[in-house]
Amino acid sequence: MFLFFYKILEKINSPINGQITVYTSFGSPKVTIGGLLQSGGIVGDIWKKATKKISNPLISNILIFGLGCGTAAQVFSKKFPKAKIIGVEIDPLVILMGKKYFGLDKIPNLKIVAADALKYTSYVKFNLIIVDIYLGEKIPPIAESLLFLKNLKNLLAKNGIVIFNRIFWDEHKKEAENFVKKAERVFSKLELIRTVANLLVICR
């Protein structure tokens, strides 16, 4: 029965991410990268849960590290329709799939930047930073370093928020717990939110 609702739209191999698969399931597009669901489906539910924890209605600048095909950008664009969003994505093929199947280039106020988020710099301060950097199931070690966390803090406007999306199953649980301890050394206040299979780490 499930196969009736499952249709592969495109498969491509990326030098950066490996296999990228775009498919439809129950009428909506989804993408897996390295076997991990990264856009569409429950990913949207994860970010909708995050929006409920943001009480500041005056968010004007949002930065997304790991734009993917744009699921987080779509959620936050609807939540904060007047905010300017910069989405940084290292893989041009992911951006291509996002535009082709997810309407990535039609998200209001979104500026797409094809670049390595780990090398991104900005003179603009952001009210909200989303960090969703993965290569398959793996997070680049530098994205968990104290230097990277301190750089993120420097990009925050006053009373700004950083939200990290972490896988939270099997060996990833211990990795996420170690990351939380490291984040506590940089940010003064942390809040943890469990979703179906992930952990959102909200830092202020």
N, C-alpha and C. Protein backbone atom coordinates (compact mmCIF):
# COMPACT_ATOMS: atom_id res chain seq x y z
N MET A 1 0.83 -1.20 0.00
CA MET A 1 0.00 0.00 0.00
C MET A 1 0.87 1.25 0.00
N PHE A 2 1.95 1.23 0.79
CA PHE A 2 2.81 2.42 0.89
C PHE A 2 3.42 2.77 -0.46
N LEU A 3 3.82 1.75 -1.23
CA LEU A 3 4.48 2.01 -2.51
C LEU A 3 3.57 2.76 -3.46
N PHE A 4 2.29 2.62 -3.30
CA PHE A 4 1.34 3.32 -4.17
C PHE A 4 1.47 4.83 -4.01
N PHE A 5 1.84 5.26 -2.82
CA PHE A 5 1.94 6.68 -2.53
C PHE A 5 3.38 7.20 -2.65
N TYR A 6 4.31 6.33 -3.01
CA TYR A 6 5.73 6.68 -3.03
C TYR A 6 6.22 6.68 -4.48
N LYS A 7 6.76 7.83 -4.91
CA LYS A 7 7.25 7.92 -6.28
C LYS A 7 8.54 8.73 -6.29
N ILE A 8 9.60 8.15 -6.83
CA ILE A 8 10.87 8.84 -6.95
C ILE A 8 10.79 9.82 -8.12
N LEU A 9 11.13 11.07 -7.85
CA LEU A 9 11.11 12.10 -8.88
C LEU A 9 12.47 12.27 -9.53
N GLU A 10 13.52 12.17 -8.72
CA GLU A 10 14.86 12.36 -9.27
C GLU A 10 15.91 11.86 -8.28
N LYS A 11 16.97 11.28 -8.83
CA LYS A 11 18.13 10.89 -8.05
C LYS A 11 19.37 11.49 -8.70
N ILE A 12 20.20 12.14 -7.90
CA ILE A 12 21.45 12.67 -8.42
C ILE A 12 22.55 12.42 -7.40
N ASN A 13 23.77 12.37 -7.88
CA ASN A 13 24.92 12.20 -7.00
C ASN A 13 25.67 13.51 -6.88
N SER A 14 25.86 13.94 -5.65
CA SER A 14 26.55 15.19 -5.37
C SER A 14 27.97 14.93 -4.89
N PRO A 15 28.95 15.66 -5.40
CA PRO A 15 30.31 15.52 -4.90
C PRO A 15 30.42 15.89 -3.42
N ILE A 16 29.48 16.68 -2.93
CA ILE A 16 29.51 17.14 -1.54
C ILE A 16 28.73 16.22 -0.62
N ASN A 17 27.51 15.88 -1.03
CA ASN A 17 26.58 15.16 -0.15
C ASN A 17 26.36 13.70 -0.51
N GLY A 18 26.88 13.24 -1.64
CA GLY A 18 26.56 11.88 -2.06
C GLY A 18 25.19 11.84 -2.73
N GLN A 19 24.45 10.77 -2.52
CA GLN A 19 23.19 10.60 -3.23
C GLN A 19 22.09 11.49 -2.66
N ILE A 20 21.44 12.21 -3.56
CA ILE A 20 20.29 13.04 -3.22
C ILE A 20 19.08 12.43 -3.92
N THR A 21 18.06 12.11 -3.16
CA THR A 21 16.84 11.51 -3.72
C THR A 21 15.65 12.39 -3.41
N VAL A 22 14.94 12.79 -4.46
CA VAL A 22 13.71 13.57 -4.30
C VAL A 22 12.55 12.66 -4.65
N TYR A 23 11.55 12.61 -3.78
CA TYR A 23 10.41 11.73 -4.02
C TYR A 23 9.15 12.38 -3.47
N THR A 24 8.01 11.85 -3.90
CA THR A 24 6.75 12.28 -3.32
C THR A 24 6.18 11.15 -2.47
N SER A 25 5.58 11.51 -1.38
CA SER A 25 4.91 10.57 -0.50
C SER A 25 3.63 11.21 -0.02
N PHE A 26 2.49 10.59 -0.34
CA PHE A 26 1.18 11.12 0.02
C PHE A 26 1.02 12.55 -0.51
N GLY A 27 1.53 12.79 -1.71
CA GLY A 27 1.27 14.04 -2.41
C GLY A 27 2.22 15.18 -2.13
N SER A 28 3.20 15.00 -1.23
CA SER A 28 4.11 16.10 -0.92
C SER A 28 5.55 15.69 -1.19
N PRO A 29 6.38 16.64 -1.68
CA PRO A 29 7.77 16.30 -1.99
C PRO A 29 8.62 16.20 -0.73
N LYS A 30 9.61 15.33 -0.80
CA LYS A 30 10.56 15.16 0.28
C LYS A 30 11.92 14.87 -0.35
N VAL A 31 12.97 15.10 0.41
CA VAL A 31 14.30 14.80 -0.10
C VAL A 31 15.12 14.11 0.98
N THR A 32 15.81 13.06 0.59
CA THR A 32 16.77 12.41 1.48
C THR A 32 18.17 12.64 0.93
N ILE A 33 19.09 12.90 1.83
CA ILE A 33 20.49 13.10 1.48
C ILE A 33 21.32 12.18 2.36
N GLY A 34 22.06 11.29 1.71
CA GLY A 34 22.81 10.31 2.48
C GLY A 34 21.90 9.40 3.28
N GLY A 35 20.68 9.19 2.78
CA GLY A 35 19.73 8.32 3.46
C GLY A 35 18.94 8.99 4.57
N LEU A 36 19.17 10.28 4.82
CA LEU A 36 18.50 10.99 5.91
C LEU A 36 17.50 11.99 5.34
N LEU A 37 16.28 11.97 5.82
CA LEU A 37 15.28 12.95 5.41
C LEU A 37 15.72 14.33 5.83
N GLN A 38 15.83 15.26 4.86
CA GLN A 38 16.35 16.58 5.18
C GLN A 38 15.42 17.73 4.80
N SER A 39 14.44 17.45 3.98
CA SER A 39 13.47 18.50 3.64
C SER A 39 12.12 17.86 3.39
N GLY A 40 11.06 18.58 3.77
CA GLY A 40 9.71 18.07 3.60
C GLY A 40 9.29 17.17 4.76
N GLY A 41 8.02 16.80 4.77
CA GLY A 41 7.52 15.86 5.77
C GLY A 41 7.68 16.36 7.20
N ILE A 42 8.17 15.48 8.07
CA ILE A 42 8.26 15.80 9.50
C ILE A 42 9.29 16.90 9.79
N VAL A 43 10.15 17.19 8.82
CA VAL A 43 11.12 18.27 9.02
C VAL A 43 10.37 19.59 9.26
N GLY A 44 9.29 19.79 8.51
CA GLY A 44 8.46 20.97 8.71
C GLY A 44 7.84 21.01 10.08
N ASP A 45 7.43 19.85 10.58
CA ASP A 45 6.83 19.77 11.92
C ASP A 45 7.84 20.14 13.00
N ILE A 46 9.10 19.74 12.78
CA ILE A 46 10.15 20.08 13.74
C ILE A 46 10.30 21.60 13.86
N TRP A 47 10.35 22.27 12.71
CA TRP A 47 10.55 23.73 12.75
C TRP A 47 9.30 24.47 13.21
N LYS A 48 8.13 23.93 12.95
CA LYS A 48 6.91 24.55 13.47
C LYS A 48 6.90 24.50 15.00
N LYS A 49 7.42 23.41 15.54
CA LYS A 49 7.51 23.30 17.00
C LYS A 49 8.48 24.34 17.54
N ALA A 50 9.54 24.60 16.78
CA ALA A 50 10.52 25.61 17.22
C ALA A 50 9.91 27.00 17.25
N THR A 51 9.06 27.32 16.28
CA THR A 51 8.48 28.66 16.21
C THR A 51 7.62 28.97 17.43
N LYS A 52 7.06 27.95 18.05
CA LYS A 52 6.21 28.17 19.21
C LYS A 52 7.01 28.64 20.43
N LYS A 53 8.32 28.48 20.36
CA LYS A 53 9.18 28.88 21.48
C LYS A 53 9.77 30.28 21.28
N ILE A 54 9.40 30.92 20.19
CA ILE A 54 9.94 32.25 19.91
C ILE A 54 8.86 33.29 20.17
N SER A 55 9.04 34.06 21.20
CA SER A 55 8.01 35.01 21.61
C SER A 55 8.22 36.40 21.03
N ASN A 56 9.42 36.67 20.49
CA ASN A 56 9.72 38.01 19.96
C ASN A 56 9.04 38.22 18.61
N PRO A 57 8.02 39.09 18.54
CA PRO A 57 7.32 39.30 17.27
C PRO A 57 8.06 40.25 16.33
N LEU A 58 9.15 40.85 16.80
CA LEU A 58 9.84 41.88 16.02
C LEU A 58 11.08 41.33 15.32
N ILE A 59 11.13 40.05 15.09
CA ILE A 59 12.28 39.47 14.39
C ILE A 59 12.33 39.99 12.96
N SER A 60 13.46 40.59 12.60
CA SER A 60 13.58 41.24 11.30
C SER A 60 14.65 40.62 10.41
N ASN A 61 15.61 39.92 11.03
CA ASN A 61 16.69 39.30 10.27
C ASN A 61 16.90 37.86 10.74
N ILE A 62 16.83 36.94 9.79
CA ILE A 62 16.99 35.52 10.09
C ILE A 62 18.11 34.96 9.23
N LEU A 63 18.97 34.18 9.84
CA LEU A 63 20.06 33.51 9.12
C LEU A 63 19.88 32.00 9.27
N ILE A 64 19.92 31.29 8.14
CA ILE A 64 19.78 29.84 8.16
C ILE A 64 21.06 29.22 7.62
N PHE A 65 21.75 28.46 8.45
CA PHE A 65 22.92 27.70 8.03
C PHE A 65 22.47 26.27 7.73
N GLY A 66 22.59 25.86 6.48
CA GLY A 66 22.09 24.56 6.07
C GLY A 66 20.68 24.73 5.52
N LEU A 67 20.57 25.55 4.48
CA LEU A 67 19.24 25.89 3.93
C LEU A 67 18.53 24.67 3.37
N GLY A 68 19.29 23.73 2.80
CA GLY A 68 18.66 22.56 2.19
C GLY A 68 17.71 22.98 1.08
N CYS A 69 16.58 22.32 1.00
CA CYS A 69 15.57 22.66 -0.01
C CYS A 69 14.57 23.68 0.50
N GLY A 70 14.78 24.18 1.72
CA GLY A 70 14.03 25.35 2.16
C GLY A 70 12.89 25.12 3.13
N THR A 71 12.80 23.94 3.74
CA THR A 71 11.69 23.69 4.66
C THR A 71 11.68 24.67 5.83
N ALA A 72 12.83 24.86 6.48
CA ALA A 72 12.88 25.81 7.60
C ALA A 72 12.57 27.22 7.13
N ALA A 73 13.09 27.60 5.98
CA ALA A 73 12.84 28.94 5.45
C ALA A 73 11.36 29.16 5.20
N GLN A 74 10.67 28.16 4.69
CA GLN A 74 9.23 28.28 4.46
C GLN A 74 8.48 28.48 5.77
N VAL A 75 8.84 27.71 6.79
CA VAL A 75 8.16 27.80 8.09
C VAL A 75 8.38 29.16 8.73
N PHE A 76 9.62 29.64 8.74
CA PHE A 76 9.91 30.91 9.41
C PHE A 76 9.45 32.11 8.59
N SER A 77 9.38 31.96 7.27
CA SER A 77 8.84 33.03 6.44
C SER A 77 7.36 33.25 6.73
N LYS A 78 6.63 32.17 6.96
CA LYS A 78 5.21 32.29 7.30
C LYS A 78 5.02 32.86 8.70
N LYS A 79 5.90 32.46 9.62
CA LYS A 79 5.80 32.93 11.00
C LYS A 79 6.17 34.41 11.12
N PHE A 80 7.19 34.83 10.35
CA PHE A 80 7.67 36.21 10.40
C PHE A 80 7.71 36.78 8.97
N PRO A 81 6.56 37.10 8.41
CA PRO A 81 6.49 37.49 6.99
C PRO A 81 7.25 38.76 6.63
N LYS A 82 7.57 39.60 7.61
CA LYS A 82 8.31 40.83 7.31
C LYS A 82 9.82 40.68 7.47
N ALA A 83 10.25 39.54 7.96
CA ALA A 83 11.68 39.32 8.22
C ALA A 83 12.43 39.03 6.93
N LYS A 84 13.66 39.56 6.85
CA LYS A 84 14.57 39.21 5.77
C LYS A 84 15.32 37.94 6.18
N ILE A 85 15.41 37.00 5.24
CA ILE A 85 16.04 35.72 5.53
C ILE A 85 17.22 35.50 4.60
N ILE A 86 18.34 35.12 5.17
CA ILE A 86 19.49 34.68 4.37
C ILE A 86 19.67 33.20 4.62
N GLY A 87 19.63 32.42 3.54
CA GLY A 87 19.80 30.98 3.64
C GLY A 87 21.11 30.56 2.99
N VAL A 88 21.99 29.96 3.77
CA VAL A 88 23.31 29.57 3.27
C VAL A 88 23.33 28.05 3.06
N GLU A 89 23.66 27.64 1.85
CA GLU A 89 23.70 26.22 1.50
C GLU A 89 24.96 25.93 0.68
N ILE A 90 25.73 24.95 1.11
CA ILE A 90 27.01 24.67 0.47
C ILE A 90 26.87 23.92 -0.85
N ASP A 91 25.79 23.17 -1.03
CA ASP A 91 25.67 22.28 -2.18
C ASP A 91 24.77 22.88 -3.27
N PRO A 92 25.34 23.27 -4.41
CA PRO A 92 24.53 23.84 -5.49
C PRO A 92 23.45 22.88 -6.01
N LEU A 93 23.69 21.58 -5.93
CA LEU A 93 22.70 20.62 -6.39
C LEU A 93 21.49 20.57 -5.46
N VAL A 94 21.72 20.77 -4.18
CA VAL A 94 20.60 20.84 -3.23
C VAL A 94 19.76 22.08 -3.52
N ILE A 95 20.42 23.19 -3.80
CA ILE A 95 19.70 24.42 -4.17
C ILE A 95 18.89 24.19 -5.44
N LEU A 96 19.48 23.51 -6.41
CA LEU A 96 18.79 23.21 -7.66
C LEU A 96 17.53 22.39 -7.42
N MET A 97 17.65 21.34 -6.59
CA MET A 97 16.49 20.51 -6.27
C MET A 97 15.44 21.31 -5.50
N GLY A 98 15.91 22.20 -4.64
CA GLY A 98 14.98 23.04 -3.88
C GLY A 98 14.16 23.93 -4.79
N LYS A 99 14.80 24.51 -5.78
CA LYS A 99 14.09 25.37 -6.72
C LYS A 99 13.15 24.56 -7.61
N LYS A 100 13.59 23.38 -7.99
CA LYS A 100 12.84 22.57 -8.95
C LYS A 100 11.58 21.95 -8.34
N TYR A 101 11.69 21.50 -7.08
CA TYR A 101 10.60 20.73 -6.50
C TYR A 101 9.94 21.35 -5.27
N PHE A 102 10.61 22.32 -4.62
CA PHE A 102 10.11 22.85 -3.36
C PHE A 102 9.79 24.34 -3.40
N GLY A 103 9.95 24.98 -4.56
CA GLY A 103 9.67 26.41 -4.64
C GLY A 103 10.62 27.25 -3.81
N LEU A 104 11.85 26.80 -3.69
CA LEU A 104 12.84 27.49 -2.86
C LEU A 104 13.01 28.95 -3.26
N ASP A 105 13.04 29.20 -4.56
CA ASP A 105 13.26 30.56 -5.06
C ASP A 105 12.01 31.43 -5.02
N LYS A 106 10.92 30.88 -4.51
CA LYS A 106 9.66 31.64 -4.41
C LYS A 106 9.31 31.99 -2.96
N ILE A 107 10.18 31.63 -2.02
CA ILE A 107 9.93 31.96 -0.62
C ILE A 107 10.14 33.46 -0.42
N PRO A 108 9.14 34.17 0.11
CA PRO A 108 9.24 35.63 0.27
C PRO A 108 10.43 36.04 1.13
N ASN A 109 11.12 37.08 0.67
CA ASN A 109 12.21 37.72 1.44
C ASN A 109 13.41 36.81 1.70
N LEU A 110 13.54 35.73 0.92
CA LEU A 110 14.67 34.83 1.10
C LEU A 110 15.77 35.14 0.10
N LYS A 111 16.98 35.34 0.62
CA LYS A 111 18.17 35.48 -0.22
C LYS A 111 18.97 34.18 -0.09
N ILE A 112 19.18 33.51 -1.22
CA ILE A 112 19.90 32.24 -1.22
C ILE A 112 21.38 32.51 -1.45
N VAL A 113 22.21 31.99 -0.57
CA VAL A 113 23.66 32.15 -0.69
C VAL A 113 24.29 30.77 -0.83
N ALA A 114 24.92 30.52 -1.98
CA ALA A 114 25.61 29.25 -2.21
C ALA A 114 27.03 29.38 -1.65
N ALA A 115 27.24 28.92 -0.43
CA ALA A 115 28.53 29.08 0.22
C ALA A 115 28.64 28.10 1.39
N ASP A 116 29.85 27.99 1.90
CA ASP A 116 30.11 27.17 3.07
C ASP A 116 29.72 27.98 4.31
N ALA A 117 28.73 27.50 5.04
CA ALA A 117 28.26 28.22 6.24
C ALA A 117 29.37 28.39 7.27
N LEU A 118 30.30 27.46 7.28
CA LEU A 118 31.37 27.51 8.27
C LEU A 118 32.37 28.62 7.99
N LYS A 119 32.29 29.21 6.79
CA LYS A 119 33.19 30.31 6.44
C LYS A 119 32.42 31.62 6.24
N TYR A 120 31.14 31.59 6.53
CA TYR A 120 30.28 32.76 6.27
C TYR A 120 30.53 33.86 7.32
N THR A 121 30.65 35.07 6.84
CA THR A 121 30.78 36.23 7.74
C THR A 121 29.75 37.28 7.33
N SER A 122 29.38 38.12 8.28
CA SER A 122 28.38 39.15 8.00
C SER A 122 28.57 40.32 8.96
N TYR A 123 28.33 41.51 8.43
CA TYR A 123 28.33 42.70 9.29
C TYR A 123 26.94 42.94 9.87
N VAL A 124 25.96 42.21 9.36
CA VAL A 124 24.59 42.32 9.85
C VAL A 124 24.41 41.44 11.07
N LYS A 125 23.67 41.93 12.05
CA LYS A 125 23.33 41.14 13.23
C LYS A 125 21.95 40.52 13.02
N PHE A 126 21.78 39.31 13.51
CA PHE A 126 20.55 38.57 13.28
C PHE A 126 19.79 38.34 14.59
N ASN A 127 18.46 38.47 14.49
CA ASN A 127 17.60 38.17 15.65
C ASN A 127 17.49 36.67 15.88
N LEU A 128 17.58 35.92 14.77
CA LEU A 128 17.39 34.48 14.84
C LEU A 128 18.35 33.79 13.88
N ILE A 129 19.07 32.79 14.40
CA ILE A 129 19.96 31.99 13.57
C ILE A 129 19.56 30.52 13.71
N ILE A 130 19.36 29.87 12.57
CA ILE A 130 19.03 28.45 12.53
C ILE A 130 20.26 27.69 12.05
N VAL A 131 20.66 26.67 12.78
CA VAL A 131 21.81 25.87 12.39
C VAL A 131 21.36 24.44 12.15
N ASP A 132 21.43 24.03 10.89
CA ASP A 132 20.97 22.70 10.48
C ASP A 132 21.98 22.11 9.49
N ILE A 133 23.23 22.08 9.91
CA ILE A 133 24.33 21.69 9.03
C ILE A 133 24.60 20.20 9.14
N TYR A 134 24.33 19.49 8.05
CA TYR A 134 24.59 18.06 7.99
C TYR A 134 25.17 17.68 6.65
N LEU A 135 26.01 16.66 6.65
CA LEU A 135 26.41 15.95 5.44
C LEU A 135 25.95 14.51 5.67
N GLY A 136 24.76 14.19 5.14
CA GLY A 136 24.13 12.92 5.50
C GLY A 136 23.74 12.97 6.96
N GLU A 137 24.19 11.98 7.74
CA GLU A 137 23.91 11.97 9.17
C GLU A 137 25.01 12.65 9.98
N LYS A 138 26.05 13.09 9.32
CA LYS A 138 27.21 13.62 10.03
C LYS A 138 27.22 15.15 10.07
N ILE A 139 27.68 15.67 11.19
CA ILE A 139 27.90 17.10 11.34
C ILE A 139 29.40 17.36 11.24
N PRO A 140 29.82 18.28 10.37
CA PRO A 140 31.25 18.59 10.30
C PRO A 140 31.78 18.99 11.67
N PRO A 141 32.91 18.44 12.10
CA PRO A 141 33.43 18.72 13.45
C PRO A 141 33.56 20.22 13.75
N ILE A 142 33.95 21.01 12.76
CA ILE A 142 34.12 22.44 13.01
C ILE A 142 32.79 23.11 13.38
N ALA A 143 31.67 22.52 12.94
CA ALA A 143 30.35 23.08 13.25
C ALA A 143 29.96 22.84 14.70
N GLU A 144 30.76 22.07 15.41
CA GLU A 144 30.52 21.83 16.84
C GLU A 144 31.62 22.45 17.70
N SER A 145 32.53 23.18 17.07
CA SER A 145 33.67 23.73 17.80
C SER A 145 33.28 24.97 18.60
N LEU A 146 34.06 25.24 19.65
CA LEU A 146 33.82 26.44 20.45
C LEU A 146 33.99 27.70 19.60
N LEU A 147 34.92 27.67 18.67
CA LEU A 147 35.15 28.83 17.81
C LEU A 147 33.91 29.14 16.98
N PHE A 148 33.30 28.10 16.40
CA PHE A 148 32.10 28.30 15.61
C PHE A 148 30.96 28.83 16.47
N LEU A 149 30.80 28.29 17.66
CA LEU A 149 29.73 28.73 18.57
C LEU A 149 29.94 30.19 18.97
N LYS A 150 31.17 30.57 19.22
CA LYS A 150 31.45 31.96 19.58
C LYS A 150 31.19 32.90 18.41
N ASN A 151 31.52 32.44 17.20
CA ASN A 151 31.23 33.25 16.01
C ASN A 151 29.73 33.45 15.83
N LEU A 152 28.96 32.41 16.10
CA LEU A 152 27.50 32.53 16.03
C LEU A 152 27.00 33.56 17.03
N LYS A 153 27.52 33.50 18.23
CA LYS A 153 27.09 34.45 19.26
C LYS A 153 27.39 35.89 18.83
N ASN A 154 28.50 36.08 18.15
CA ASN A 154 28.87 37.42 17.68
C ASN A 154 27.95 37.91 16.56
N LEU A 155 27.29 36.98 15.88
CA LEU A 155 26.37 37.35 14.81
C LEU A 155 24.97 37.71 15.33
N LEU A 156 24.74 37.48 16.61
CA LEU A 156 23.41 37.71 17.19
C LEU A 156 23.19 39.18 17.55
N ALA A 157 21.99 39.65 17.24
CA ALA A 157 21.56 40.95 17.74
C ALA A 157 21.21 40.80 19.22
N LYS A 158 20.95 41.91 19.88
CA LYS A 158 20.57 41.87 21.29
C LYS A 158 19.31 41.04 21.46
N ASN A 159 19.32 40.16 22.44
CA ASN A 159 18.21 39.25 22.71
C ASN A 159 17.95 38.26 21.57
N GLY A 160 18.97 38.02 20.75
CA GLY A 160 18.84 37.08 19.64
C GLY A 160 18.85 35.63 20.11
N ILE A 161 18.45 34.75 19.20
CA ILE A 161 18.32 33.32 19.51
C ILE A 161 19.02 32.51 18.44
N VAL A 162 19.71 31.45 18.86
CA VAL A 162 20.25 30.45 17.94
C VAL A 162 19.54 29.13 18.22
N ILE A 163 19.07 28.47 17.16
CA ILE A 163 18.43 27.17 17.31
C ILE A 163 19.22 26.13 16.51
N PHE A 164 19.69 25.10 17.21
CA PHE A 164 20.41 24.00 16.57
C PHE A 164 19.46 22.81 16.45
N ASN A 165 19.46 22.18 15.28
CA ASN A 165 18.69 20.97 15.07
C ASN A 165 19.64 19.78 15.12
N ARG A 166 19.42 18.87 16.08
CA ARG A 166 20.30 17.74 16.27
C ARG A 166 19.55 16.43 16.14
N ILE A 167 20.12 15.48 15.40
CA ILE A 167 19.59 14.12 15.40
C ILE A 167 19.73 13.57 16.81
N PHE A 168 18.73 12.77 17.22
CA PHE A 168 18.75 12.29 18.61
C PHE A 168 18.30 10.84 18.69
N TRP A 169 19.08 9.97 18.05
CA TRP A 169 18.85 8.53 18.20
C TRP A 169 20.20 7.81 18.14
N ASP A 170 20.22 6.60 18.69
CA ASP A 170 21.40 5.74 18.70
C ASP A 170 22.63 6.53 19.17
N GLU A 171 23.73 6.43 18.42
CA GLU A 171 24.97 7.09 18.84
C GLU A 171 24.87 8.60 18.78
N HIS A 172 23.87 9.11 18.04
CA HIS A 172 23.71 10.56 17.92
C HIS A 172 23.27 11.19 19.24
N LYS A 173 22.64 10.41 20.12
CA LYS A 173 22.21 10.95 21.41
C LYS A 173 23.40 11.45 22.21
N LYS A 174 24.43 10.62 22.30
CA LYS A 174 25.61 11.01 23.07
C LYS A 174 26.30 12.21 22.44
N GLU A 175 26.34 12.24 21.11
CA GLU A 175 26.95 13.38 20.41
C GLU A 175 26.19 14.66 20.71
N ALA A 176 24.86 14.57 20.73
CA ALA A 176 24.04 15.75 21.01
C ALA A 176 24.22 16.21 22.46
N GLU A 177 24.29 15.25 23.37
CA GLU A 177 24.49 15.60 24.78
C GLU A 177 25.84 16.29 24.99
N ASN A 178 26.87 15.81 24.31
CA ASN A 178 28.19 16.45 24.41
C ASN A 178 28.16 17.86 23.82
N PHE A 179 27.39 18.02 22.74
CA PHE A 179 27.27 19.34 22.12
C PHE A 179 26.58 20.32 23.07
N VAL A 180 25.56 19.86 23.77
CA VAL A 180 24.85 20.72 24.72
C VAL A 180 25.80 21.24 25.79
N LYS A 181 26.65 20.36 26.30
CA LYS A 181 27.62 20.77 27.32
C LYS A 181 28.55 21.85 26.78
N LYS A 182 28.93 21.71 25.52
CA LYS A 182 29.82 22.70 24.91
C LYS A 182 29.09 24.03 24.71
N ALA A 183 27.84 23.95 24.27
CA ALA A 183 27.05 25.17 24.05
C ALA A 183 26.83 25.93 25.35
N GLU A 184 26.74 25.21 26.46
CA GLU A 184 26.55 25.86 27.76
C GLU A 184 27.75 26.72 28.15
N ARG A 185 28.90 26.47 27.55
CA ARG A 185 30.10 27.26 27.84
C ARG A 185 30.09 28.60 27.10
N VAL A 186 29.22 28.71 26.08
CA VAL A 186 29.20 29.91 25.24
C VAL A 186 27.95 30.75 25.47
N PHE A 187 26.81 30.09 25.62
CA PHE A 187 25.54 30.80 25.76
C PHE A 187 25.05 30.76 27.20
N SER A 188 24.40 31.83 27.61
CA SER A 188 24.00 31.96 29.02
C SER A 188 22.74 31.18 29.36
N LYS A 189 21.91 30.91 28.35
CA LYS A 189 20.65 30.22 28.61
C LYS A 189 20.35 29.24 27.50
N LEU A 190 20.04 28.00 27.88
CA LEU A 190 19.70 26.96 26.91
C LEU A 190 18.35 26.35 27.24
N GLU A 191 17.63 25.98 26.20
CA GLU A 191 16.37 25.25 26.36
C GLU A 191 16.38 24.10 25.37
N LEU A 192 16.01 22.91 25.85
CA LEU A 192 16.02 21.71 25.01
C LEU A 192 14.59 21.28 24.71
N ILE A 193 14.33 20.99 23.45
CA ILE A 193 13.00 20.55 23.04
C ILE A 193 13.13 19.26 22.24
N ARG A 194 12.45 18.22 22.69
CA ARG A 194 12.45 16.95 21.98
C ARG A 194 11.36 16.96 20.91
N THR A 195 11.69 16.42 19.76
CA THR A 195 10.72 16.16 18.72
C THR A 195 10.72 14.64 18.50
N VAL A 196 10.10 14.18 17.44
CA VAL A 196 9.98 12.73 17.22
C VAL A 196 11.34 12.05 17.24
N ALA A 197 12.30 12.57 16.50
CA ALA A 197 13.60 11.92 16.41
C ALA A 197 14.76 12.89 16.57
N ASN A 198 14.45 14.14 16.88
CA ASN A 198 15.49 15.16 16.94
C ASN A 198 15.44 15.90 18.27
N LEU A 199 16.50 16.67 18.51
CA LEU A 199 16.58 17.53 19.67
C LEU A 199 16.87 18.96 19.19
N LEU A 200 16.02 19.88 19.58
CA LEU A 200 16.26 21.29 19.28
C LEU A 200 16.95 21.92 20.48
N VAL A 201 18.08 22.55 20.21
CA VAL A 201 18.83 23.22 21.27
C VAL A 201 18.70 24.72 21.03
N ILE A 202 17.93 25.39 21.90
CA ILE A 202 17.67 26.82 21.76
C ILE A 202 18.59 27.58 22.69
N CYS A 203 19.39 28.45 22.10
CA CYS A 203 20.42 29.16 22.88
C CYS A 203 20.17 30.66 22.84
N ARG A 204 20.36 31.28 23.97
CA ARG A 204 20.20 32.73 24.08
C ARG A 204 21.43 33.32 24.77
